[in-house]
Amino acid sequence: MKKTAALLFAAAIGLSMSVPASAASDGKNRKVTVLNLSTSTLRELYASPITSTNWEEDLLGQRTLTSGQSISANIDNGTTECYYDLKAVLANGKTWEHRKVNVCAASKWVIADAGESIQ
């Protein structure tokens, strides 16, 4: 009996020390293709959870998207969140924002001179 209790105790300790599953293992795709159809270069791209009060880092980094170019933006921040605010900044100073985007369901964000749309 003591041996069984010791084994159960050891197993419980082993389970409590296991590493939690990452967001990527929840099976949800958080990649959104961003397509620049505007006549201006897209120079900054941000995605922040709707719970955040600040914009996260620029997803483009040193890259830019000229007219007609696209990028597959990985918006997975390591949590199970699906709702993000998106922001695009063009070289001509125009800024587009789209709030409360379900990046687990959306597959494309199209930026154009006259507006933007989530698909």
PDB file of N, CA and C in Angstrom:
ATOM      1  N   MET A   1       0.814  -1.194   0.000  1.00  0.00           N
ATOM      2  CA  MET A   1       0.000   0.000   0.000  1.00  0.00           C
ATOM      3  C   MET A   1       0.861   1.264   0.000  1.00  0.00           C
ATOM      4  N   LYS A   2       1.924   1.265   0.827  1.00  0.00           N
ATOM      5  CA  LYS A   2       2.801   2.419   0.877  1.00  0.00           C
ATOM      6  C   LYS A   2       3.492   2.633  -0.466  1.00  0.00           C
ATOM      7  N   LYS A   3       3.845   1.512  -1.148  1.00  0.00           N
ATOM      8  CA  LYS A   3       4.525   1.599  -2.430  1.00  0.00           C
ATOM      9  C   LYS A   3       3.594   2.228  -3.474  1.00  0.00           C
ATOM     10  N   THR A   4       2.325   1.858  -3.484  1.00  0.00           N
ATOM     11  CA  THR A   4       1.344   2.405  -4.424  1.00  0.00           C
ATOM     12  C   THR A   4       1.146   3.900  -4.176  1.00  0.00           C
ATOM     13  N   ALA A   5       1.041   4.286  -2.902  1.00  0.00           N
ATOM     14  CA  ALA A   5       0.866   5.698  -2.570  1.00  0.00           C
ATOM     15  C   ALA A   5       2.084   6.502  -3.002  1.00  0.00           C
ATOM     16  N   ALA A   6       3.269   5.948  -2.831  1.00  0.00           N
ATOM     17  CA  ALA A   6       4.493   6.641  -3.229  1.00  0.00           C
ATOM     18  C   ALA A   6       4.539   6.823  -4.741  1.00  0.00           C
ATOM     19  N   LEU A   7       4.109   5.798  -5.479  1.00  0.00           N
ATOM     20  CA  LEU A   7       4.089   5.900  -6.943  1.00  0.00           C
ATOM     21  C   LEU A   7       3.082   6.953  -7.406  1.00  0.00           C
ATOM     22  N   LEU A   8       1.910   6.984  -6.785  1.00  0.00           N
ATOM     23  CA  LEU A   8       0.901   7.979  -7.144  1.00  0.00           C
ATOM     24  C   LEU A   8       1.397   9.388  -6.833  1.00  0.00           C
ATOM     25  N   PHE A   9       2.056   9.549  -5.689  1.00  0.00           N
ATOM     26  CA  PHE A   9       2.594  10.852  -5.313  1.00  0.00           C
ATOM     27  C   PHE A   9       3.651  11.302  -6.325  1.00  0.00           C
ATOM     28  N   ALA A  10       4.540  10.405  -6.723  1.00  0.00           N
ATOM     29  CA  ALA A  10       5.580  10.726  -7.699  1.00  0.00           C
ATOM     30  C   ALA A  10       4.960  11.098  -9.042  1.00  0.00           C
ATOM     31  N   ALA A  11       3.927  10.386  -9.447  1.00  0.00           N
ATOM     32  CA  ALA A  11       3.254  10.689 -10.714  1.00  0.00           C
ATOM     33  C   ALA A  11       2.584  12.065 -10.655  1.00  0.00           C
ATOM     34  N   ALA A  12       1.970  12.392  -9.518  1.00  0.00           N
ATOM     35  CA  ALA A  12       1.317  13.694  -9.362  1.00  0.00           C
ATOM     36  C   ALA A  12       2.333  14.832  -9.445  1.00  0.00           C
ATOM     37  N   ILE A  13       3.488  14.648  -8.846  1.00  0.00           N
ATOM     38  CA  ILE A  13       4.539  15.666  -8.907  1.00  0.00           C
ATOM     39  C   ILE A  13       5.017  15.823 -10.348  1.00  0.00           C
ATOM     40  N   GLY A  14       5.190  14.718 -11.056  1.00  0.00           N
ATOM     41  CA  GLY A  14       5.626  14.769 -12.450  1.00  0.00           C
ATOM     42  C   GLY A  14       4.628  15.514 -13.320  1.00  0.00           C
ATOM     43  N   LEU A  15       3.334  15.307 -13.123  1.00  0.00           N
ATOM     44  CA  LEU A  15       2.306  15.998 -13.896  1.00  0.00           C
ATOM     45  C   LEU A  15       2.278  17.483 -13.585  1.00  0.00           C
ATOM     46  N   SER A  16       2.472  17.844 -12.324  1.00  0.00           N
ATOM     47  CA  SER A  16       2.410  19.256 -11.954  1.00  0.00           C
ATOM     48  C   SER A  16       3.601  20.032 -12.478  1.00  0.00           C
ATOM     49  N   MET A  17       4.692  19.340 -12.828  1.00  0.00           N
ATOM     50  CA  MET A  17       5.870  20.014 -13.324  1.00  0.00           C
ATOM     51  C   MET A  17       5.922  20.037 -14.850  1.00  0.00           C
ATOM     52  N   SER A  18       4.927  19.468 -15.511  1.00  0.00           N
ATOM     53  CA  SER A  18       4.965  19.435 -16.968  1.00  0.00           C
ATOM     54  C   SER A  18       4.785  20.833 -17.545  1.00  0.00           C
ATOM     55  N   VAL A  19       5.314  21.049 -18.726  1.00  0.00           N
ATOM     56  CA  VAL A  19       5.262  22.343 -19.390  1.00  0.00           C
ATOM     57  C   VAL A  19       3.882  22.522 -20.004  1.00  0.00           C
ATOM     58  N   PRO A  20       3.249  23.690 -19.841  1.00  0.00           N
ATOM     59  CA  PRO A  20       1.939  23.906 -20.426  1.00  0.00           C
ATOM     60  C   PRO A  20       2.019  23.919 -21.948  1.00  0.00           C
ATOM     61  N   ALA A  21       0.931  23.534 -22.588  1.00  0.00           N
ATOM     62  CA  ALA A  21       0.871  23.507 -24.049  1.00  0.00           C
ATOM     63  C   ALA A  21       0.934  24.923 -24.595  1.00  0.00           C
ATOM     64  N   SER A  22       1.609  25.090 -25.706  1.00  0.00           N
ATOM     65  CA  SER A  22       1.690  26.413 -26.325  1.00  0.00           C
ATOM     66  C   SER A  22       0.437  26.683 -27.132  1.00  0.00           C
ATOM     67  N   ALA A  23       0.247  27.943 -27.496  1.00  0.00           N
ATOM     68  CA  ALA A  23      -0.921  28.328 -28.275  1.00  0.00           C
ATOM     69  C   ALA A  23      -0.926  27.638 -29.628  1.00  0.00           C
ATOM     70  N   ALA A  24       0.264  27.408 -30.186  1.00  0.00           N
ATOM     71  CA  ALA A  24       0.346  26.778 -31.494  1.00  0.00           C
ATOM     72  C   ALA A  24      -0.271  25.387 -31.468  1.00  0.00           C
ATOM     73  N   SER A  25      -0.278  24.746 -30.329  1.00  0.00           N
ATOM     74  CA  SER A  25      -0.828  23.400 -30.244  1.00  0.00           C
ATOM     75  C   SER A  25      -2.347  23.382 -30.144  1.00  0.00           C
ATOM     76  N   ASP A  26      -2.996  24.557 -30.132  1.00  0.00           N
ATOM     77  CA  ASP A  26      -4.458  24.554 -30.090  1.00  0.00           C
ATOM     78  C   ASP A  26      -5.062  24.341 -31.472  1.00  0.00           C
ATOM     79  N   GLY A  27      -4.201  24.259 -32.498  1.00  0.00           N
ATOM     80  CA  GLY A  27      -4.657  23.929 -33.837  1.00  0.00           C
ATOM     81  C   GLY A  27      -5.246  25.083 -34.632  1.00  0.00           C
ATOM     82  N   LYS A  28      -5.214  26.289 -34.092  1.00  0.00           N
ATOM     83  CA  LYS A  28      -5.803  27.439 -34.790  1.00  0.00           C
ATOM     84  C   LYS A  28      -4.734  28.172 -35.587  1.00  0.00           C
ATOM     85  N   ASN A  29      -5.086  28.515 -36.805  1.00  0.00           N
ATOM     86  CA  ASN A  29      -4.180  29.248 -37.684  1.00  0.00           C
ATOM     87  C   ASN A  29      -4.330  30.734 -37.418  1.00  0.00           C
ATOM     88  N   ARG A  30      -3.259  31.369 -37.033  1.00  0.00           N
ATOM     89  CA  ARG A  30      -3.273  32.809 -36.753  1.00  0.00           C
ATOM     90  C   ARG A  30      -2.421  33.567 -37.771  1.00  0.00           C
ATOM     91  N   LYS A  31      -2.367  33.063 -38.985  1.00  0.00           N
ATOM     92  CA  LYS A  31      -1.636  33.734 -40.054  1.00  0.00           C
ATOM     93  C   LYS A  31      -2.641  34.435 -40.956  1.00  0.00           C
ATOM     94  N   VAL A  32      -2.359  35.692 -41.239  1.00  0.00           N
ATOM     95  CA  VAL A  32      -3.219  36.501 -42.095  1.00  0.00           C
ATOM     96  C   VAL A  32      -2.356  37.055 -43.225  1.00  0.00           C
ATOM     97  N   THR A  33      -2.789  36.836 -44.458  1.00  0.00           N
ATOM     98  CA  THR A  33      -2.092  37.416 -45.600  1.00  0.00           C
ATOM     99  C   THR A  33      -2.482  38.878 -45.700  1.00  0.00           C
ATOM    100  N   VAL A  34      -1.486  39.749 -45.714  1.00  0.00           N
ATOM    101  CA  VAL A  34      -1.718  41.188 -45.856  1.00  0.00           C
ATOM    102  C   VAL A  34      -1.323  41.546 -47.280  1.00  0.00           C
ATOM    103  N   LEU A  35      -2.285  42.068 -48.040  1.00  0.00           N
ATOM    104  CA  LEU A  35      -2.083  42.408 -49.445  1.00  0.00           C
ATOM    105  C   LEU A  35      -2.169  43.921 -49.626  1.00  0.00           C
ATOM    106  N   ASN A  36      -1.109  44.507 -50.156  1.00  0.00           N
ATOM    107  CA  ASN A  36      -1.074  45.942 -50.388  1.00  0.00           C
ATOM    108  C   ASN A  36      -1.498  46.237 -51.825  1.00  0.00           C
ATOM    109  N   LEU A  37      -2.714  46.730 -52.002  1.00  0.00           N
ATOM    110  CA  LEU A  37      -3.202  47.134 -53.317  1.00  0.00           C
ATOM    111  C   LEU A  37      -3.231  48.648 -53.470  1.00  0.00           C
ATOM    112  N   SER A  38      -2.659  49.344 -52.496  1.00  0.00           N
ATOM    113  CA  SER A  38      -2.622  50.807 -52.575  1.00  0.00           C
ATOM    114  C   SER A  38      -1.498  51.227 -53.525  1.00  0.00           C
ATOM    115  N   THR A  39      -1.486  52.506 -53.859  1.00  0.00           N
ATOM    116  CA  THR A  39      -0.418  53.033 -54.714  1.00  0.00           C
ATOM    117  C   THR A  39       0.802  53.455 -53.888  1.00  0.00           C
ATOM    118  N   SER A  40       0.724  53.317 -52.584  1.00  0.00           N
ATOM    119  CA  SER A  40       1.808  53.691 -51.683  1.00  0.00           C
ATOM    120  C   SER A  40       2.429  52.437 -51.066  1.00  0.00           C
ATOM    121  N   THR A  41       3.665  52.545 -50.640  1.00  0.00           N
ATOM    122  CA  THR A  41       4.359  51.440 -49.971  1.00  0.00           C
ATOM    123  C   THR A  41       3.846  51.288 -48.545  1.00  0.00           C
ATOM    124  N   LEU A  42       3.591  50.055 -48.150  1.00  0.00           N
ATOM    125  CA  LEU A  42       3.209  49.754 -46.764  1.00  0.00           C
ATOM    126  C   LEU A  42       4.508  49.620 -45.979  1.00  0.00           C
ATOM    127  N   ARG A  43       4.707  50.479 -44.976  1.00  0.00           N
ATOM    128  CA  ARG A  43       5.993  50.471 -44.277  1.00  0.00           C
ATOM    129  C   ARG A  43       5.932  49.967 -42.847  1.00  0.00           C
ATOM    130  N   GLU A  44       4.723  49.902 -42.238  1.00  0.00           N
ATOM    131  CA  GLU A  44       4.592  49.381 -40.873  1.00  0.00           C
ATOM    132  C   GLU A  44       3.323  48.548 -40.781  1.00  0.00           C
ATOM    133  N   LEU A  45       3.392  47.476 -39.984  1.00  0.00           N
ATOM    134  CA  LEU A  45       2.249  46.587 -39.789  1.00  0.00           C
ATOM    135  C   LEU A  45       2.231  46.125 -38.337  1.00  0.00           C
ATOM    136  N   TYR A  46       1.115  46.350 -37.680  1.00  0.00           N
ATOM    137  CA  TYR A  46       0.989  46.007 -36.263  1.00  0.00           C
ATOM    138  C   TYR A  46      -0.226  45.120 -36.024  1.00  0.00           C
ATOM    139  N   ALA A  47      -0.112  44.236 -35.055  1.00  0.00           N
ATOM    140  CA  ALA A  47      -1.227  43.411 -34.588  1.00  0.00           C
ATOM    141  C   ALA A  47      -1.087  43.292 -33.077  1.00  0.00           C
ATOM    142  N   SER A  48      -2.106  43.747 -32.360  1.00  0.00           N
ATOM    143  CA  SER A  48      -2.080  43.691 -30.901  1.00  0.00           C
ATOM    144  C   SER A  48      -3.368  43.058 -30.404  1.00  0.00           C
ATOM    145  N   PRO A  49      -3.288  42.220 -29.364  1.00  0.00           N
ATOM    146  CA  PRO A  49      -4.517  41.670 -28.791  1.00  0.00           C
ATOM    147  C   PRO A  49      -5.452  42.806 -28.385  1.00  0.00           C
ATOM    148  N   ILE A  50      -6.746  42.580 -28.493  1.00  0.00           N
ATOM    149  CA  ILE A  50      -7.706  43.643 -28.173  1.00  0.00           C
ATOM    150  C   ILE A  50      -7.617  44.066 -26.717  1.00  0.00           C
ATOM    151  N   THR A  51      -6.998  43.260 -25.883  1.00  0.00           N
ATOM    152  CA  THR A  51      -6.842  43.587 -24.467  1.00  0.00           C
ATOM    153  C   THR A  51      -5.651  44.510 -24.220  1.00  0.00           C
ATOM    154  N   SER A  52      -4.817  44.716 -25.237  1.00  0.00           N
ATOM    155  CA  SER A  52      -3.617  45.536 -25.098  1.00  0.00           C
ATOM    156  C   SER A  52      -3.946  47.012 -25.305  1.00  0.00           C
ATOM    157  N   THR A  53      -3.243  47.874 -24.584  1.00  0.00           N
ATOM    158  CA  THR A  53      -3.436  49.319 -24.744  1.00  0.00           C
ATOM    159  C   THR A  53      -2.365  49.939 -25.632  1.00  0.00           C
ATOM    160  N   ASN A  54      -1.395  49.140 -26.056  1.00  0.00           N
ATOM    161  CA  ASN A  54      -0.311  49.620 -26.910  1.00  0.00           C
ATOM    162  C   ASN A  54      -0.177  48.718 -28.129  1.00  0.00           C
ATOM    163  N   TRP A  55       0.374  49.270 -29.205  1.00  0.00           N
ATOM    164  CA  TRP A  55       0.660  48.458 -30.376  1.00  0.00           C
ATOM    165  C   TRP A  55       1.907  47.631 -30.109  1.00  0.00           C
ATOM    166  N   GLU A  56       1.871  46.366 -30.532  1.00  0.00           N
ATOM    167  CA  GLU A  56       3.021  45.472 -30.397  1.00  0.00           C
ATOM    168  C   GLU A  56       4.081  45.891 -31.413  1.00  0.00           C
ATOM    169  N   GLU A  57       5.140  45.115 -31.539  1.00  0.00           N
ATOM    170  CA  GLU A  57       6.226  45.443 -32.464  1.00  0.00           C
ATOM    171  C   GLU A  57       5.761  45.385 -33.918  1.00  0.00           C
ATOM    172  N   ASP A  58       6.470  46.123 -34.764  1.00  0.00           N
ATOM    173  CA  ASP A  58       6.181  46.167 -36.198  1.00  0.00           C
ATOM    174  C   ASP A  58       6.460  44.789 -36.802  1.00  0.00           C
ATOM    175  N   LEU A  59       5.437  44.162 -37.366  1.00  0.00           N
ATOM    176  CA  LEU A  59       5.585  42.824 -37.936  1.00  0.00           C
ATOM    177  C   LEU A  59       6.434  42.807 -39.206  1.00  0.00           C
ATOM    178  N   LEU A  60       6.565  43.949 -39.859  1.00  0.00           N
ATOM    179  CA  LEU A  60       7.387  44.009 -41.068  1.00  0.00           C
ATOM    180  C   LEU A  60       8.869  44.153 -40.752  1.00  0.00           C
ATOM    181  N   GLY A  61       9.184  44.689 -39.584  1.00  0.00           N
ATOM    182  CA  GLY A  61      10.586  44.919 -39.242  1.00  0.00           C
ATOM    183  C   GLY A  61      11.209  45.885 -40.231  1.00  0.00           C
ATOM    184  N   GLN A  62      12.262  45.480 -40.913  1.00  0.00           N
ATOM    185  CA  GLN A  62      12.948  46.324 -41.891  1.00  0.00           C
ATOM    186  C   GLN A  62      12.335  46.226 -43.292  1.00  0.00           C
ATOM    187  N   ARG A  63      11.400  45.296 -43.478  1.00  0.00           N
ATOM    188  CA  ARG A  63      10.792  45.097 -44.795  1.00  0.00           C
ATOM    189  C   ARG A  63       9.706  46.121 -45.068  1.00  0.00           C
ATOM    190  N   THR A  64       9.350  46.245 -46.329  1.00  0.00           N
ATOM    191  CA  THR A  64       8.211  47.053 -46.757  1.00  0.00           C
ATOM    192  C   THR A  64       7.453  46.259 -47.811  1.00  0.00           C
ATOM    193  N   LEU A  65       6.207  46.654 -48.053  1.00  0.00           N
ATOM    194  CA  LEU A  65       5.408  46.026 -49.104  1.00  0.00           C
ATOM    195  C   LEU A  65       5.035  47.083 -50.126  1.00  0.00           C
ATOM    196  N   THR A  66       5.569  46.969 -51.319  1.00  0.00           N
ATOM    197  CA  THR A  66       5.197  47.895 -52.376  1.00  0.00           C
ATOM    198  C   THR A  66       3.844  47.473 -52.936  1.00  0.00           C
ATOM    199  N   SER A  67       3.275  48.310 -53.787  1.00  0.00           N
ATOM    200  CA  SER A  67       1.975  48.031 -54.379  1.00  0.00           C
ATOM    201  C   SER A  67       1.981  46.667 -55.073  1.00  0.00           C
ATOM    202  N   GLY A  68       0.995  45.854 -54.741  1.00  0.00           N
ATOM    203  CA  GLY A  68       0.871  44.520 -55.330  1.00  0.00           C
ATOM    204  C   GLY A  68       1.537  43.423 -54.530  1.00  0.00           C
ATOM    205  N   GLN A  69       2.353  43.754 -53.549  1.00  0.00           N
ATOM    206  CA  GLN A  69       3.021  42.737 -52.745  1.00  0.00           C
ATOM    207  C   GLN A  69       2.160  42.305 -51.565  1.00  0.00           C
ATOM    208  N   SER A  70       2.438  41.095 -51.074  1.00  0.00           N
ATOM    209  CA  SER A  70       1.735  40.580 -49.895  1.00  0.00           C
ATOM    210  C   SER A  70       2.725  39.880 -48.985  1.00  0.00           C
ATOM    211  N   ILE A  71       2.282  39.651 -47.766  1.00  0.00           N
ATOM    212  CA  ILE A  71       3.074  38.940 -46.770  1.00  0.00           C
ATOM    213  C   ILE A  71       2.131  38.085 -45.933  1.00  0.00           C
ATOM    214  N   SER A  72       2.592  36.920 -45.524  1.00  0.00           N
ATOM    215  CA  SER A  72       1.835  36.091 -44.599  1.00  0.00           C
ATOM    216  C   SER A  72       2.295  36.457 -43.194  1.00  0.00           C
ATOM    217  N   ALA A  73       1.460  37.214 -42.484  1.00  0.00           N
ATOM    218  CA  ALA A  73       1.814  37.706 -41.153  1.00  0.00           C
ATOM    219  C   ALA A  73       1.393  36.693 -40.089  1.00  0.00           C
ATOM    220  N   ASN A  74       2.356  36.238 -39.295  1.00  0.00           N
ATOM    221  CA  ASN A  74       2.076  35.332 -38.190  1.00  0.00           C
ATOM    222  C   ASN A  74       1.688  36.171 -36.982  1.00  0.00           C
ATOM    223  N   ILE A  75       0.431  36.103 -36.589  1.00  0.00           N
ATOM    224  CA  ILE A  75      -0.086  36.960 -35.531  1.00  0.00           C
ATOM    225  C   ILE A  75      -0.223  36.199 -34.214  1.00  0.00           C
ATOM    226  N   ASP A  76       0.359  35.030 -34.130  1.00  0.00           N
ATOM    227  CA  ASP A  76       0.317  34.211 -32.920  1.00  0.00           C
ATOM    228  C   ASP A  76       1.305  34.763 -31.898  1.00  0.00           C
ATOM    229  N   ASN A  77       0.793  35.257 -30.767  1.00  0.00           N
ATOM    230  CA  ASN A  77       1.669  35.805 -29.728  1.00  0.00           C
ATOM    231  C   ASN A  77       1.954  34.804 -28.612  1.00  0.00           C
ATOM    232  N   GLY A  78       1.622  33.544 -28.830  1.00  0.00           N
ATOM    233  CA  GLY A  78       1.903  32.512 -27.833  1.00  0.00           C
ATOM    234  C   GLY A  78       0.777  32.279 -26.847  1.00  0.00           C
ATOM    235  N   THR A  79      -0.348  32.965 -27.031  1.00  0.00           N
ATOM    236  CA  THR A  79      -1.513  32.749 -26.175  1.00  0.00           C
ATOM    237  C   THR A  79      -2.617  32.113 -27.013  1.00  0.00           C
ATOM    238  N   THR A  80      -3.752  31.920 -26.432  1.00  0.00           N
ATOM    239  CA  THR A  80      -4.882  31.359 -27.173  1.00  0.00           C
ATOM    240  C   THR A  80      -5.814  32.442 -27.700  1.00  0.00           C
ATOM    241  N   GLU A  81      -5.366  33.693 -27.678  1.00  0.00           N
ATOM    242  CA  GLU A  81      -6.202  34.795 -28.151  1.00  0.00           C
ATOM    243  C   GLU A  81      -6.403  34.720 -29.658  1.00  0.00           C
ATOM    244  N   CYS A  82      -7.605  35.086 -30.093  1.00  0.00           N
ATOM    245  CA  CYS A  82      -7.921  35.141 -31.517  1.00  0.00           C
ATOM    246  C   CYS A  82      -8.278  36.549 -31.979  1.00  0.00           C
ATOM    247  N   TYR A  83      -8.669  37.430 -31.080  1.00  0.00           N
ATOM    248  CA  TYR A  83      -9.125  38.765 -31.468  1.00  0.00           C
ATOM    249  C   TYR A  83      -8.007  39.800 -31.309  1.00  0.00           C
ATOM    250  N   TYR A  84      -7.687  40.450 -32.426  1.00  0.00           N
ATOM    251  CA  TYR A  84      -6.597  41.415 -32.483  1.00  0.00           C
ATOM    252  C   TYR A  84      -7.061  42.696 -33.172  1.00  0.00           C
ATOM    253  N   ASP A  85      -6.401  43.785 -32.834  1.00  0.00           N
ATOM    254  CA  ASP A  85      -6.538  45.034 -33.566  1.00  0.00           C
ATOM    255  C   ASP A  85      -5.369  45.079 -34.544  1.00  0.00           C
ATOM    256  N   LEU A  86      -5.642  45.473 -35.793  1.00  0.00           N
ATOM    257  CA  LEU A  86      -4.618  45.541 -36.822  1.00  0.00           C
ATOM    258  C   LEU A  86      -4.402  46.984 -37.253  1.00  0.00           C
ATOM    259  N   LYS A  87      -3.167  47.317 -37.578  1.00  0.00           N
ATOM    260  CA  LYS A  87      -2.843  48.672 -38.027  1.00  0.00           C
ATOM    261  C   LYS A  87      -1.802  48.594 -39.134  1.00  0.00           C
ATOM    262  N   ALA A  88      -2.050  49.354 -40.210  1.00  0.00           N
ATOM    263  CA  ALA A  88      -1.117  49.452 -41.323  1.00  0.00           C
ATOM    264  C   ALA A  88      -0.772  50.918 -41.536  1.00  0.00           C
ATOM    265  N   VAL A  89       0.509  51.213 -41.723  1.00  0.00           N
ATOM    266  CA  VAL A  89       0.964  52.584 -41.961  1.00  0.00           C
ATOM    267  C   VAL A  89       1.628  52.623 -43.332  1.00  0.00           C
ATOM    268  N   LEU A  90       1.117  53.496 -44.185  1.00  0.00           N
ATOM    269  CA  LEU A  90       1.652  53.643 -45.532  1.00  0.00           C
ATOM    270  C   LEU A  90       2.695  54.747 -45.570  1.00  0.00           C
ATOM    271  N   ALA A  91       3.554  54.705 -46.573  1.00  0.00           N
ATOM    272  CA  ALA A  91       4.620  55.702 -46.718  1.00  0.00           C
ATOM    273  C   ALA A  91       4.073  57.101 -46.957  1.00  0.00           C
ATOM    274  N   ASN A  92       2.859  57.213 -47.492  1.00  0.00           N
ATOM    275  CA  ASN A  92       2.266  58.528 -47.740  1.00  0.00           C
ATOM    276  C   ASN A  92       1.612  59.128 -46.488  1.00  0.00           C
ATOM    277  N   GLY A  93       1.741  58.431 -45.353  1.00  0.00           N
ATOM    278  CA  GLY A  93       1.201  58.924 -44.094  1.00  0.00           C
ATOM    279  C   GLY A  93      -0.172  58.399 -43.738  1.00  0.00           C
ATOM    280  N   LYS A  94      -0.851  57.764 -44.694  1.00  0.00           N
ATOM    281  CA  LYS A  94      -2.189  57.205 -44.431  1.00  0.00           C
ATOM    282  C   LYS A  94      -2.058  56.019 -43.486  1.00  0.00           C
ATOM    283  N   THR A  95      -2.969  55.941 -42.518  1.00  0.00           N
ATOM    284  CA  THR A  95      -2.997  54.836 -41.572  1.00  0.00           C
ATOM    285  C   THR A  95      -4.358  54.152 -41.642  1.00  0.00           C
ATOM    286  N   TRP A  96      -4.344  52.836 -41.726  1.00  0.00           N
ATOM    287  CA  TRP A  96      -5.580  52.057 -41.686  1.00  0.00           C
ATOM    288  C   TRP A  96      -5.564  51.214 -40.414  1.00  0.00           C
ATOM    289  N   GLU A  97      -6.701  51.190 -39.708  1.00  0.00           N
ATOM    290  CA  GLU A  97      -6.857  50.336 -38.532  1.00  0.00           C
ATOM    291  C   GLU A  97      -8.123  49.518 -38.684  1.00  0.00           C
ATOM    292  N   HIS A  98      -8.046  48.275 -38.279  1.00  0.00           N
ATOM    293  CA  HIS A  98      -9.222  47.403 -38.258  1.00  0.00           C
ATOM    294  C   HIS A  98      -9.252  46.767 -36.870  1.00  0.00           C
ATOM    295  N   ARG A  99     -10.331  47.000 -36.155  1.00  0.00           N
ATOM    296  CA  ARG A  99     -10.436  46.555 -34.757  1.00  0.00           C
ATOM    297  C   ARG A  99     -11.194  45.232 -34.641  1.00  0.00           C
ATOM    298  N   LYS A 100     -10.850  44.486 -33.606  1.00  0.00           N
ATOM    299  CA  LYS A 100     -11.524  43.242 -33.219  1.00  0.00           C
ATOM    300  C   LYS A 100     -11.606  42.238 -34.364  1.00  0.00           C
ATOM    301  N   VAL A 101     -10.461  41.966 -34.982  1.00  0.00           N
ATOM    302  CA  VAL A 101     -10.391  40.994 -36.064  1.00  0.00           C
ATOM    303  C   VAL A 101     -10.136  39.612 -35.477  1.00  0.00           C
ATOM    304  N   ASN A 102     -10.957  38.656 -35.852  1.00  0.00           N
ATOM    305  CA  ASN A 102     -10.746  37.272 -35.425  1.00  0.00           C
ATOM    306  C   ASN A 102      -9.703  36.661 -36.362  1.00  0.00           C
ATOM    307  N   VAL A 103      -8.427  36.692 -35.954  1.00  0.00           N
ATOM    308  CA  VAL A 103      -7.353  36.204 -36.804  1.00  0.00           C
ATOM    309  C   VAL A 103      -7.351  34.677 -36.905  1.00  0.00           C
ATOM    310  N   CYS A 104      -8.137  34.010 -36.081  1.00  0.00           N
ATOM    311  CA  CYS A 104      -8.277  32.561 -36.185  1.00  0.00           C
ATOM    312  C   CYS A 104      -9.232  32.194 -37.328  1.00  0.00           C
ATOM    313  N   ALA A 105     -10.030  33.157 -37.784  1.00  0.00           N
ATOM    314  CA  ALA A 105     -10.988  32.914 -38.866  1.00  0.00           C
ATOM    315  C   ALA A 105     -10.655  33.694 -40.129  1.00  0.00           C
ATOM    316  N   ALA A 106     -10.081  34.883 -39.982  1.00  0.00           N
ATOM    317  CA  ALA A 106      -9.754  35.721 -41.151  1.00  0.00           C
ATOM    318  C   ALA A 106      -8.533  35.146 -41.856  1.00  0.00           C
ATOM    319  N   SER A 107      -8.495  35.290 -43.172  1.00  0.00           N
ATOM    320  CA  SER A 107      -7.341  34.788 -43.904  1.00  0.00           C
ATOM    321  C   SER A 107      -6.600  35.880 -44.663  1.00  0.00           C
ATOM    322  N   LYS A 108      -7.251  37.045 -44.879  1.00  0.00           N
ATOM    323  CA  LYS A 108      -6.609  38.087 -45.680  1.00  0.00           C
ATOM    324  C   LYS A 108      -7.069  39.469 -45.236  1.00  0.00           C
ATOM    325  N   TRP A 109      -6.117  40.419 -45.236  1.00  0.00           N
ATOM    326  CA  TRP A 109      -6.405  41.833 -45.006  1.00  0.00           C
ATOM    327  C   TRP A 109      -5.905  42.580 -46.222  1.00  0.00           C
ATOM    328  N   VAL A 110      -6.829  43.194 -46.950  1.00  0.00           N
ATOM    329  CA  VAL A 110      -6.491  43.916 -48.171  1.00  0.00           C
ATOM    330  C   VAL A 110      -6.467  45.407 -47.871  1.00  0.00           C
ATOM    331  N   ILE A 111      -5.335  46.038 -48.182  1.00  0.00           N
ATOM    332  CA  ILE A 111      -5.152  47.476 -47.991  1.00  0.00           C
ATOM    333  C   ILE A 111      -5.184  48.129 -49.374  1.00  0.00           C
ATOM    334  N   ALA A 112      -6.025  49.155 -49.531  1.00  0.00           N
ATOM    335  CA  ALA A 112      -6.109  49.864 -50.812  1.00  0.00           C
ATOM    336  C   ALA A 112      -6.181  51.363 -50.546  1.00  0.00           C
ATOM    337  N   ASP A 113      -6.115  52.165 -51.598  1.00  0.00           N
ATOM    338  CA  ASP A 113      -6.182  53.616 -51.439  1.00  0.00           C
ATOM    339  C   ASP A 113      -7.526  54.060 -50.875  1.00  0.00           C
ATOM    340  N   ALA A 114      -8.604  53.424 -51.299  1.00  0.00           N
ATOM    341  CA  ALA A 114      -9.938  53.842 -50.903  1.00  0.00           C
ATOM    342  C   ALA A 114     -10.420  53.198 -49.600  1.00  0.00           C
ATOM    343  N   GLY A 115      -9.688  52.235 -49.078  1.00  0.00           N
ATOM    344  CA  GLY A 115     -10.119  51.566 -47.850  1.00  0.00           C
ATOM    345  C   GLY A 115      -9.391  50.255 -47.639  1.00  0.00           C
ATOM    346  N   GLU A 116      -9.910  49.485 -46.712  1.00  0.00           N
ATOM    347  CA  GLU A 116      -9.327  48.190 -46.373  1.00  0.00           C
ATOM    348  C   GLU A 116     -10.453  47.216 -46.084  1.00  0.00           C
ATOM    349  N   SER A 117     -10.166  45.921 -46.192  1.00  0.00           N
ATOM    350  CA  SER A 117     -11.197  44.931 -45.899  1.00  0.00           C
ATOM    351  C   SER A 117     -10.550  43.641 -45.381  1.00  0.00           C
ATOM    352  N   ILE A 118     -11.299  42.973 -44.524  1.00  0.00           N
ATOM    353  CA  ILE A 118     -10.895  41.679 -43.983  1.00  0.00           C
ATOM    354  C   ILE A 118     -11.683  40.618 -44.744  1.00  0.00           C
ATOM    355  N   GLN A 119     -10.978  39.580 -45.136  1.00  0.00           N
ATOM    356  CA  GLN A 119     -11.633  38.472 -45.858  1.00  0.00           C
ATOM    357  C   GLN A 119     -11.372  37.167 -45.163  1.00  0.00           C
TER     358      GLN A 119
END
